[in-house]
Amino acid sequence: MRLVEQVQKDMIGSMKARDKEKASVLRMLLSRLQLEAKEAGGELDEDQEIKVLTTEKKKRLQSAEAFHDVGRDDRASMEEAEAAIIDTYLPRAMDETELQALVEKAIADAEATEVRDMGKVMSLLMPAVAGRADGKAVSEMVKGKLAGK
């Protein structure tokens, strides 16, 4: 089952269960997925759907951080709860050792020897970690490995 279909099915289920918060988040996700599909001119593939959900989750976490900074912990909690709902539709996050192995393989495949080769490494690595690891963390890890060589 495609991700957009699963979100739609779960949204209907949460509406029937009168879970307003979850239904609201799923309605927003469905809307974003459908909008992205329309802009792409057809159905999204799985990687594109994951990218949309990852972006939405990231927005919620950034908003939560901003709300914490201004002392609005109630709103921050709501944003974190929305991010948690979105997270249930994303693939399992990559653990540190799995990510390190992929980084080392990408560095070897790209024959990278210094930090300026980072673009080649990242272009090989990001499709493999899409939706399973934060791009900023991956970038820092690659930079650290290349600087340490």
C-alpha atoms as a PDB file:
ATOM      1  CA  MET A   1       0.000   0.000   0.000  1.00  0.00           C
ATOM      2  CA  ARG A   2       1.315   3.424  -0.944  1.00  0.00           C
ATOM      3  CA  LEU A   3       2.012   5.864   1.843  1.00  0.00           C
ATOM      4  CA  VAL A   4      -0.651   8.334   0.719  1.00  0.00           C
ATOM      5  CA  GLU A   5      -3.244   5.535   0.772  1.00  0.00           C
ATOM      6  CA  GLN A   6      -2.162   4.471   4.261  1.00  0.00           C
ATOM      7  CA  VAL A   7      -2.403   8.040   5.556  1.00  0.00           C
ATOM      8  CA  GLN A   8      -5.869   8.393   4.028  1.00  0.00           C
ATOM      9  CA  LYS A   9      -7.039   5.098   5.546  1.00  0.00           C
ATOM     10  CA  ASP A  10      -5.648   6.028   8.981  1.00  0.00           C
ATOM     11  CA  MET A  11      -7.187   9.493   8.758  1.00  0.00           C
ATOM     12  CA  ILE A  12     -10.628   7.989   8.180  1.00  0.00           C
ATOM     13  CA  GLY A  13     -10.052   5.585  11.085  1.00  0.00           C
ATOM     14  CA  SER A  14      -9.012   8.387  13.431  1.00  0.00           C
ATOM     15  CA  MET A  15     -12.048  10.442  12.391  1.00  0.00           C
ATOM     16  CA  LYS A  16     -14.327   7.505  13.172  1.00  0.00           C
ATOM     17  CA  ALA A  17     -12.560   7.080  16.521  1.00  0.00           C
ATOM     18  CA  ARG A  18     -13.064  10.814  17.171  1.00  0.00           C
ATOM     19  CA  ASP A  19      -9.334  11.364  17.632  1.00  0.00           C
ATOM     20  CA  LYS A  20      -9.355  15.009  16.513  1.00  0.00           C
ATOM     21  CA  GLU A  21      -5.641  15.662  16.997  1.00  0.00           C
ATOM     22  CA  LYS A  22      -4.493  12.675  14.962  1.00  0.00           C
ATOM     23  CA  ALA A  23      -7.140  13.255  12.291  1.00  0.00           C
ATOM     24  CA  SER A  24      -5.992  16.861  11.953  1.00  0.00           C
ATOM     25  CA  VAL A  25      -2.337  15.884  11.490  1.00  0.00           C
ATOM     26  CA  LEU A  26      -3.214  13.159   9.004  1.00  0.00           C
ATOM     27  CA  ARG A  27      -5.478  15.518   7.075  1.00  0.00           C
ATOM     28  CA  MET A  28      -2.587  17.971   6.799  1.00  0.00           C
ATOM     29  CA  LEU A  29      -0.214  15.192   5.676  1.00  0.00           C
ATOM     30  CA  LEU A  30      -2.669  13.951   3.088  1.00  0.00           C
ATOM     31  CA  SER A  31      -3.098  17.487   1.794  1.00  0.00           C
ATOM     32  CA  ARG A  32       0.681  17.982   1.491  1.00  0.00           C
ATOM     33  CA  LEU A  33       1.141  14.626  -0.256  1.00  0.00           C
ATOM     34  CA  GLN A  34      -1.647  15.380  -2.715  1.00  0.00           C
ATOM     35  CA  LEU A  35      -0.317  18.888  -3.384  1.00  0.00           C
ATOM     36  CA  GLU A  36       3.184  17.570  -4.043  1.00  0.00           C
ATOM     37  CA  ALA A  37       1.766  14.909  -6.382  1.00  0.00           C
ATOM     38  CA  LYS A  38      -0.187  17.552  -8.273  1.00  0.00           C
ATOM     39  CA  GLU A  39       2.889  19.760  -8.595  1.00  0.00           C
ATOM     40  CA  ALA A  40       4.924  16.766  -9.792  1.00  0.00           C
ATOM     41  CA  GLY A  41       2.310  16.035 -12.425  1.00  0.00           C
ATOM     42  CA  GLY A  42       1.430  12.562 -11.198  1.00  0.00           C
ATOM     43  CA  GLU A  43       1.807  10.153  -8.326  1.00  0.00           C
ATOM     44  CA  LEU A  44       4.788  10.437  -6.030  1.00  0.00           C
ATOM     45  CA  ASP A  45       7.142   7.518  -5.649  1.00  0.00           C
ATOM     46  CA  GLU A  46       8.005   6.227  -2.185  1.00  0.00           C
ATOM     47  CA  ASP A  47      11.162   8.333  -1.874  1.00  0.00           C
ATOM     48  CA  GLN A  48       9.257  11.499  -2.737  1.00  0.00           C
ATOM     49  CA  GLU A  49       6.533  10.672  -0.219  1.00  0.00           C
ATOM     50  CA  ILE A  50       9.155  10.082   2.477  1.00  0.00           C
ATOM     51  CA  LYS A  51      10.808  13.386   1.613  1.00  0.00           C
ATOM     52  CA  VAL A  52       7.481  15.215   2.085  1.00  0.00           C
ATOM     53  CA  LEU A  53       6.905  13.559   5.463  1.00  0.00           C
ATOM     54  CA  THR A  54      10.481  14.210   6.570  1.00  0.00           C
ATOM     55  CA  THR A  55      10.092  17.888   5.705  1.00  0.00           C
ATOM     56  CA  GLU A  56       6.823  18.124   7.622  1.00  0.00           C
ATOM     57  CA  LYS A  57       8.334  16.399  10.660  1.00  0.00           C
ATOM     58  CA  LYS A  58      11.324  18.730  10.554  1.00  0.00           C
ATOM     59  CA  LYS A  59       8.997  21.765  10.456  1.00  0.00           C
ATOM     60  CA  ARG A  60       7.181  20.527  13.567  1.00  0.00           C
ATOM     61  CA  LEU A  61      10.414  19.937  15.481  1.00  0.00           C
ATOM     62  CA  GLN A  62      11.734  23.381  14.546  1.00  0.00           C
ATOM     63  CA  SER A  63       8.467  24.958  15.645  1.00  0.00           C
ATOM     64  CA  ALA A  64       8.605  23.043  18.919  1.00  0.00           C
ATOM     65  CA  GLU A  65      12.117  24.323  19.545  1.00  0.00           C
ATOM     66  CA  ALA A  66      11.012  27.891  18.818  1.00  0.00           C
ATOM     67  CA  PHE A  67       8.038  27.553  21.178  1.00  0.00           C
ATOM     68  CA  HIS A  68      10.310  26.171  23.918  1.00  0.00           C
ATOM     69  CA  ASP A  69      12.624  29.159  23.443  1.00  0.00           C
ATOM     70  CA  VAL A  70       9.802  31.623  24.123  1.00  0.00           C
ATOM     71  CA  GLY A  71       8.354  29.656  27.025  1.00  0.00           C
ATOM     72  CA  ARG A  72       5.304  28.258  25.220  1.00  0.00           C
ATOM     73  CA  ASP A  73       5.765  24.678  26.373  1.00  0.00           C
ATOM     74  CA  ASP A  74       2.097  23.856  25.729  1.00  0.00           C
ATOM     75  CA  ARG A  75       2.425  24.696  22.020  1.00  0.00           C
ATOM     76  CA  ALA A  76       5.814  22.973  21.883  1.00  0.00           C
ATOM     77  CA  SER A  77       4.236  19.794  23.229  1.00  0.00           C
ATOM     78  CA  MET A  78       1.558  19.940  20.535  1.00  0.00           C
ATOM     79  CA  GLU A  79       4.172  20.320  17.809  1.00  0.00           C
ATOM     80  CA  GLU A  80       6.202  17.426  19.243  1.00  0.00           C
ATOM     81  CA  ALA A  81       3.081  15.249  19.341  1.00  0.00           C
ATOM     82  CA  GLU A  82       2.404  16.046  15.680  1.00  0.00           C
ATOM     83  CA  ALA A  83       6.015  15.151  14.808  1.00  0.00           C
ATOM     84  CA  ALA A  84       5.584  11.841  16.639  1.00  0.00           C
ATOM     85  CA  ILE A  85       2.500  11.017  14.569  1.00  0.00           C
ATOM     86  CA  ILE A  86       4.366  11.836  11.351  1.00  0.00           C
ATOM     87  CA  ASP A  87       7.300   9.743  12.541  1.00  0.00           C
ATOM     88  CA  THR A  88       5.139   6.609  12.595  1.00  0.00           C
ATOM     89  CA  TYR A  89       4.926   6.796   8.785  1.00  0.00           C
ATOM     90  CA  LEU A  90       8.659   7.220   8.231  1.00  0.00           C
ATOM     91  CA  PRO A  91      11.116   4.346   7.872  1.00  0.00           C
ATOM     92  CA  ARG A  92      13.049   3.241  10.946  1.00  0.00           C
ATOM     93  CA  ALA A  93      15.851   5.675  11.746  1.00  0.00           C
ATOM     94  CA  MET A  94      19.359   4.488  10.981  1.00  0.00           C
ATOM     95  CA  ASP A  95      21.556   3.728  13.979  1.00  0.00           C
ATOM     96  CA  GLU A  96      25.010   5.273  14.356  1.00  0.00           C
ATOM     97  CA  THR A  97      27.043   2.206  13.335  1.00  0.00           C
ATOM     98  CA  GLU A  98      24.907   1.555  10.250  1.00  0.00           C
ATOM     99  CA  LEU A  99      25.294   5.183   9.209  1.00  0.00           C
ATOM    100  CA  GLN A 100      29.061   5.119   9.770  1.00  0.00           C
ATOM    101  CA  ALA A 101      29.374   2.032   7.580  1.00  0.00           C
ATOM    102  CA  LEU A 102      27.443   3.730   4.777  1.00  0.00           C
ATOM    103  CA  VAL A 103      29.547   6.892   5.095  1.00  0.00           C
ATOM    104  CA  GLU A 104      32.777   4.910   4.887  1.00  0.00           C
ATOM    105  CA  LYS A 105      31.512   2.966   1.859  1.00  0.00           C
ATOM    106  CA  ALA A 106      30.443   6.181   0.097  1.00  0.00           C
ATOM    107  CA  ILE A 107      33.839   7.760   0.781  1.00  0.00           C
ATOM    108  CA  ALA A 108      35.568   4.706  -0.671  1.00  0.00           C
ATOM    109  CA  ASP A 109      33.230   4.555  -3.697  1.00  0.00           C
ATOM    110  CA  ALA A 110      33.762   8.259  -4.430  1.00  0.00           C
ATOM    111  CA  GLU A 111      37.517   7.855  -3.889  1.00  0.00           C
ATOM    112  CA  ALA A 112      37.314  10.930  -1.680  1.00  0.00           C
ATOM    113  CA  THR A 113      40.458  12.022   0.085  1.00  0.00           C
ATOM    114  CA  GLU A 114      39.703  15.524   1.335  1.00  0.00           C
ATOM    115  CA  VAL A 115      36.856  17.776   2.436  1.00  0.00           C
ATOM    116  CA  ARG A 116      36.422  19.330  -1.023  1.00  0.00           C
ATOM    117  CA  ASP A 117      35.326  15.870  -2.277  1.00  0.00           C
ATOM    118  CA  MET A 118      32.347  16.073   0.065  1.00  0.00           C
ATOM    119  CA  GLY A 119      29.863  16.786  -2.738  1.00  0.00           C
ATOM    120  CA  LYS A 120      30.685  13.524  -4.497  1.00  0.00           C
ATOM    121  CA  VAL A 121      30.299  11.570  -1.266  1.00  0.00           C
ATOM    122  CA  MET A 122      27.013  13.243  -0.329  1.00  0.00           C
ATOM    123  CA  SER A 123      25.523  12.632  -3.784  1.00  0.00           C
ATOM    124  CA  LEU A 124      26.221   8.902  -3.359  1.00  0.00           C
ATOM    125  CA  LEU A 125      25.142   8.787   0.268  1.00  0.00           C
ATOM    126  CA  MET A 126      21.914  10.789   0.486  1.00  0.00           C
ATOM    127  CA  PRO A 127      19.750   8.496  -1.674  1.00  0.00           C
ATOM    128  CA  ALA A 128      20.749   5.582   0.580  1.00  0.00           C
ATOM    129  CA  VAL A 129      19.842   7.379   3.811  1.00  0.00           C
ATOM    130  CA  ALA A 130      16.815   9.375   2.615  1.00  0.00           C
ATOM    131  CA  GLY A 131      14.234   9.583   5.365  1.00  0.00           C
ATOM    132  CA  ARG A 132      16.305   7.439   7.695  1.00  0.00           C
ATOM    133  CA  ALA A 133      18.926   9.946   8.842  1.00  0.00           C
ATOM    134  CA  ASP A 134      19.098  13.713   9.253  1.00  0.00           C
ATOM    135  CA  GLY A 135      20.972  15.320   6.367  1.00  0.00           C
ATOM    136  CA  LYS A 136      22.810  17.722   8.657  1.00  0.00           C
ATOM    137  CA  ALA A 137      24.083  14.863  10.840  1.00  0.00           C
ATOM    138  CA  VAL A 138      25.170  12.915   7.754  1.00  0.00           C
ATOM    139  CA  SER A 139      26.988  15.974   6.415  1.00  0.00           C
ATOM    140  CA  GLU A 140      28.815  16.500   9.714  1.00  0.00           C
ATOM    141  CA  MET A 141      29.839  12.852   9.821  1.00  0.00           C
ATOM    142  CA  VAL A 142      31.179  12.943   6.252  1.00  0.00           C
ATOM    143  CA  LYS A 143      33.040  16.191   6.935  1.00  0.00           C
ATOM    144  CA  GLY A 144      34.568  14.706  10.088  1.00  0.00           C
ATOM    145  CA  LYS A 145      35.694  11.536   8.306  1.00  0.00           C
ATOM    146  CA  LEU A 146      37.186  13.457   5.385  1.00  0.00           C
ATOM    147  CA  ALA A 147      38.950  15.968   7.641  1.00  0.00           C
ATOM    148  CA  GLY A 148      40.387  13.097   9.722  1.00  0.00           C
ATOM    149  CA  LYS A 149      41.923  11.270   6.759  1.00  0.00           C
END
